[in-house]
């Protein structure tokens, strides 16, 4: 979870893609916990405070975020759940499908982060969760473009956690594992190194689980891991 339930009361949140599915479940849970939750989606919903927003359009994203700020004065929580799936290999993927998946799954989250992160940085506080997939960690057949978009989200999250520490924490949620992987850093002289190490530890998929020693070797870029990133601890 982004915070303990006790800390949600009175917060302001945005859920992107909150009209249905897991995004809507998050909207309803946050609302029950006392969060004033704004929903960005192309489909109307009675849950939360709905704003029509197509994340493929940067201008719509910017206007929606500014509207939340005008109404609330702050943004404490951001959950990005908007996404589409595509089951196809590269040859069977049209250019239009390729552009659509990346526009919704990758460009959209980038647009939202670009508008929300400066607000959280100015506040010196904020929590971000981006809906990921097991394909942040592993590859699958007939999932070239979808897997590409989700793997890119994992990298986007890790870099964001490093760049905006210590004021903002960033996480990706993996549905398959039913857990949230959180990347944040402590305020210290070597915070960047700590964040990079913790990110590497969180994204490993070790040989014991993948049955592939080659994968484990790939995840250890220098052939070994530092003390704060033990490869023996499995996620």
Protein backbone atom coordinates (compact mmCIF):
# COMPACT_ATOMS: atom_id res chain seq x y z
CA UNK A 1 0.00 0.00 0.00
CA UNK A 2 1.05 3.57 -0.51
CA UNK A 3 0.59 4.49 3.16
CA UNK A 4 -0.93 3.01 6.24
CA UNK A 5 -4.72 3.30 6.28
CA UNK A 6 -4.49 5.76 9.17
CA UNK A 7 -2.59 8.20 6.96
CA UNK A 8 -5.08 8.38 4.10
CA UNK A 9 -7.71 10.60 5.73
CA UNK A 10 -7.87 14.02 4.09
CA UNK A 11 -5.41 13.21 1.30
CA UNK A 12 -5.95 14.12 -2.34
CA UNK A 13 -5.43 11.39 -4.92
CA UNK A 14 -5.59 10.81 -8.65
CA UNK A 15 -6.34 7.42 -10.18
CA UNK A 16 -5.67 7.26 -13.92
CA UNK A 17 -7.86 4.62 -15.54
CA UNK A 18 -10.13 4.46 -12.51
CA UNK A 19 -13.47 3.83 -14.21
CA UNK A 20 -13.17 0.04 -14.33
CA UNK A 21 -11.16 -2.99 -13.26
CA UNK A 22 -8.32 -2.70 -10.76
CA UNK A 23 -8.22 1.07 -11.12
CA UNK A 24 -11.84 1.32 -10.02
CA UNK A 25 -11.16 -0.98 -7.06
CA UNK A 26 -8.40 1.41 -5.99
CA UNK A 27 -10.74 4.39 -6.35
CA UNK A 28 -13.36 2.77 -4.12
CA UNK A 29 -10.80 1.71 -1.50
CA UNK A 30 -9.17 5.15 -1.33
CA UNK A 31 -12.56 6.81 -1.05
CA UNK A 32 -13.48 4.52 1.85
CA UNK A 33 -10.24 5.52 3.55
CA UNK A 34 -11.09 9.21 3.35
CA UNK A 35 -9.15 10.24 0.25
CA UNK A 36 -10.71 12.78 -2.09
CA UNK A 37 -10.09 10.75 -5.23
CA UNK A 38 -10.10 12.18 -8.73
CA UNK A 39 -10.58 9.76 -11.62
CA UNK A 40 -9.01 10.38 -15.04
CA UNK A 41 -10.64 8.16 -17.67
CA UNK A 42 -12.47 8.23 -20.98
CA UNK A 43 -15.39 6.26 -19.48
CA UNK A 44 -17.62 8.02 -16.92
CA UNK A 45 -17.88 6.59 -13.41
CA UNK A 46 -19.91 7.49 -10.35
CA UNK A 47 -16.97 6.61 -8.10
CA UNK A 48 -14.70 9.44 -7.06
CA UNK A 49 -14.56 12.82 -8.79
CA UNK A 50 -14.64 12.02 -12.50
CA UNK A 51 -12.72 13.99 -15.11
CA UNK A 52 -12.84 13.00 -18.77
CA UNK A 53 -9.22 12.56 -19.83
CA UNK A 54 -7.58 10.61 -22.65
CA UNK A 55 -4.01 9.99 -21.47
CA UNK A 56 -2.82 9.81 -25.08
CA UNK A 57 -3.40 13.58 -25.29
CA UNK A 58 -0.85 15.58 -23.31
CA UNK A 59 -3.00 18.73 -23.36
CA UNK A 60 -5.91 16.84 -21.79
CA UNK A 61 -3.61 15.44 -19.11
CA UNK A 62 -2.21 18.89 -18.30
CA UNK A 63 -5.68 20.45 -18.07
CA UNK A 64 -6.97 17.65 -15.84
CA UNK A 65 -4.06 17.94 -13.42
CA UNK A 66 -4.42 21.72 -13.29
CA UNK A 67 -8.12 21.29 -12.54
CA UNK A 68 -7.33 19.06 -9.57
CA UNK A 69 -4.84 21.63 -8.29
CA UNK A 70 -7.37 24.44 -8.69
CA UNK A 71 -9.93 22.48 -6.66
CA UNK A 72 -7.68 20.88 -4.04
CA UNK A 73 -4.43 22.84 -3.89
CA UNK A 74 -2.29 19.69 -3.66
CA UNK A 75 -1.82 16.11 -4.91
CA UNK A 76 -0.71 13.50 -2.39
CA UNK A 77 -1.32 10.19 -4.13
CA UNK A 78 -1.11 9.06 -7.75
CA UNK A 79 -2.13 5.62 -9.02
CA UNK A 80 -1.71 4.96 -12.76
CA UNK A 81 -3.77 2.00 -13.94
CA UNK A 82 -4.68 2.95 -17.51
CA UNK A 83 -3.54 0.31 -19.96
CA UNK A 84 -4.46 -1.98 -22.85
CA UNK A 85 -3.30 -5.48 -23.73
CA UNK A 86 -2.24 -6.81 -27.13
CA UNK A 87 -1.73 -10.52 -27.79
CA UNK A 88 0.47 -10.70 -30.91
CA UNK A 89 4.02 -11.22 -32.08
CA UNK A 90 5.89 -8.54 -34.04
CA UNK A 91 4.78 -9.73 -37.50
CA UNK A 92 1.14 -9.81 -36.46
CA UNK A 93 1.26 -6.35 -34.87
CA UNK A 94 0.17 -3.49 -37.09
CA UNK A 95 1.85 -0.10 -36.84
CA UNK A 96 -1.46 1.35 -35.61
CA UNK A 97 -1.66 -1.25 -32.81
CA UNK A 98 1.97 -0.59 -31.88
CA UNK A 99 1.37 3.15 -31.62
CA UNK A 100 -1.87 2.71 -29.65
CA UNK A 101 -0.38 0.38 -27.01
CA UNK A 102 2.64 2.61 -26.43
CA UNK A 103 0.51 5.75 -26.37
CA UNK A 104 -1.73 4.40 -23.61
CA UNK A 105 0.64 2.17 -21.64
CA UNK A 106 3.82 4.25 -21.77
CA UNK A 107 3.33 7.77 -23.09
CA UNK A 108 0.22 8.30 -20.97
CA UNK A 109 1.95 7.50 -17.66
CA UNK A 110 4.89 9.69 -18.71
CA UNK A 111 2.54 12.62 -19.44
CA UNK A 112 0.83 12.24 -16.06
CA UNK A 113 4.13 11.99 -14.19
CA UNK A 114 5.46 15.04 -16.02
CA UNK A 115 2.58 17.12 -14.66
CA UNK A 116 2.22 15.61 -11.17
CA UNK A 117 5.84 15.17 -10.08
CA UNK A 118 6.66 18.91 -9.99
CA UNK A 119 3.68 19.36 -7.65
CA UNK A 120 4.91 16.64 -5.31
CA UNK A 121 8.45 17.98 -5.44
CA UNK A 122 7.24 21.45 -4.45
CA UNK A 123 5.18 19.92 -1.62
CA UNK A 124 8.19 17.79 -0.63
CA UNK A 125 5.86 14.81 -0.30
CA UNK A 126 3.95 12.37 -2.46
CA UNK A 127 3.38 8.73 -3.35
CA UNK A 128 3.18 7.24 -6.83
CA UNK A 129 2.10 3.71 -7.82
CA UNK A 130 2.21 2.60 -11.45
CA UNK A 131 0.31 -0.55 -12.41
CA UNK A 132 2.85 -2.95 -13.82
CA UNK A 133 2.74 -6.61 -14.77
CA UNK A 134 4.82 -9.74 -14.32
CA UNK A 135 6.23 -8.67 -17.69
CA UNK A 136 8.14 -5.95 -15.90
CA UNK A 137 10.35 -8.90 -14.88
CA UNK A 138 9.88 -11.71 -17.44
CA UNK A 139 9.20 -12.13 -21.15
CA UNK A 140 6.24 -13.97 -22.69
CA UNK A 141 5.31 -15.22 -26.13
CA UNK A 142 2.98 -13.22 -28.36
CA UNK A 143 3.43 -10.22 -26.11
CA UNK A 144 6.19 -8.22 -27.77
CA UNK A 145 4.63 -4.76 -27.65
CA UNK A 146 2.67 -5.16 -24.42
CA UNK A 147 5.74 -6.58 -22.67
CA UNK A 148 7.83 -3.75 -24.08
CA UNK A 149 5.46 -1.17 -22.62
CA UNK A 150 5.39 -2.78 -19.17
CA UNK A 151 9.14 -3.34 -18.97
CA UNK A 152 9.63 0.31 -19.89
CA UNK A 153 7.26 1.31 -17.07
CA UNK A 154 9.44 -0.60 -14.62
CA UNK A 155 12.50 1.35 -15.72
CA UNK A 156 10.56 4.62 -15.68
CA UNK A 157 9.53 3.93 -12.08
CA UNK A 158 13.04 3.14 -10.90
CA UNK A 159 14.55 6.22 -12.49
CA UNK A 160 11.76 8.38 -11.08
CA UNK A 161 12.34 7.01 -7.58
CA UNK A 162 16.01 7.94 -7.82
CA UNK A 163 15.46 11.37 -9.36
CA UNK A 164 12.76 12.50 -6.91
CA UNK A 165 14.05 11.06 -3.67
CA UNK A 166 13.72 11.75 -0.81
CA UNK A 167 10.47 13.71 -1.23
CA UNK A 168 8.51 11.23 -3.34
CA UNK A 169 8.30 7.43 -3.37
CA UNK A 170 7.52 5.49 -6.55
CA UNK A 171 6.33 1.90 -6.93
CA UNK A 172 5.17 -0.58 -9.52
CA UNK A 173 2.48 -3.09 -8.66
CA UNK A 174 2.82 -6.60 -10.09
CA UNK A 175 -0.52 -8.35 -10.43
CA UNK A 176 0.95 -11.82 -10.74
CA UNK A 177 2.84 -11.52 -7.49
CA UNK A 178 -0.05 -9.68 -5.80
CA UNK A 179 2.52 -7.37 -4.26
CA UNK A 180 3.89 -3.88 -4.65
CA UNK A 181 7.56 -3.33 -5.32
CA UNK A 182 8.59 0.01 -3.87
CA UNK A 183 11.63 1.97 -4.89
CA UNK A 184 12.59 4.80 -2.59
CA UNK A 185 15.81 6.11 -1.10
CA UNK A 186 16.90 7.48 2.24
CA UNK A 187 18.43 10.89 2.67
CA UNK A 188 22.15 10.19 2.72
CA UNK A 189 25.34 11.13 0.92
CA UNK A 190 25.21 7.94 -1.13
CA UNK A 191 21.43 7.91 -1.69
CA UNK A 192 21.74 7.45 -5.43
CA UNK A 193 23.89 4.32 -5.01
CA UNK A 194 21.46 2.93 -2.44
CA UNK A 195 18.49 3.55 -4.76
CA UNK A 196 20.21 1.89 -7.70
CA UNK A 197 21.08 -1.12 -5.57
CA UNK A 198 17.59 -1.44 -4.13
CA UNK A 199 16.10 -1.14 -7.62
CA UNK A 200 18.37 -3.89 -8.92
CA UNK A 201 17.41 -6.11 -6.00
CA UNK A 202 13.69 -5.50 -6.55
CA UNK A 203 13.77 -6.27 -10.27
CA UNK A 204 15.77 -9.47 -10.12
CA UNK A 205 14.21 -12.72 -11.24
CA UNK A 206 16.77 -15.21 -10.00
CA UNK A 207 17.84 -18.56 -11.34
CA UNK A 208 15.95 -20.50 -8.67
CA UNK A 209 12.63 -19.11 -9.90
CA UNK A 210 13.30 -18.78 -13.62
CA UNK A 211 15.28 -22.03 -13.86
CA UNK A 212 17.80 -20.11 -15.90
CA UNK A 213 21.29 -19.41 -14.65
CA UNK A 214 21.77 -17.18 -17.70
CA UNK A 215 19.02 -14.86 -16.40
CA UNK A 216 20.66 -14.56 -13.00
CA UNK A 217 23.97 -13.72 -14.66
CA UNK A 218 22.28 -11.05 -16.75
CA UNK A 219 20.81 -9.41 -13.67
CA UNK A 220 24.28 -9.22 -12.08
CA UNK A 221 25.87 -6.72 -14.43
CA UNK A 222 29.30 -7.07 -12.86
CA UNK A 223 29.03 -10.76 -12.00
CA UNK A 224 28.30 -10.11 -8.33
CA UNK A 225 26.04 -7.99 -6.14
CA UNK A 226 26.75 -5.48 -3.40
CA UNK A 227 25.89 -6.15 0.24
CA UNK A 228 22.63 -4.22 0.17
CA UNK A 229 21.39 -6.17 -2.88
CA UNK A 230 21.65 -9.88 -1.94
CA UNK A 231 20.70 -12.09 -4.88
CA UNK A 232 19.93 -14.88 -2.42
CA UNK A 233 16.74 -13.11 -1.28
CA UNK A 234 13.93 -13.97 -3.68
CA UNK A 235 10.98 -11.70 -4.39
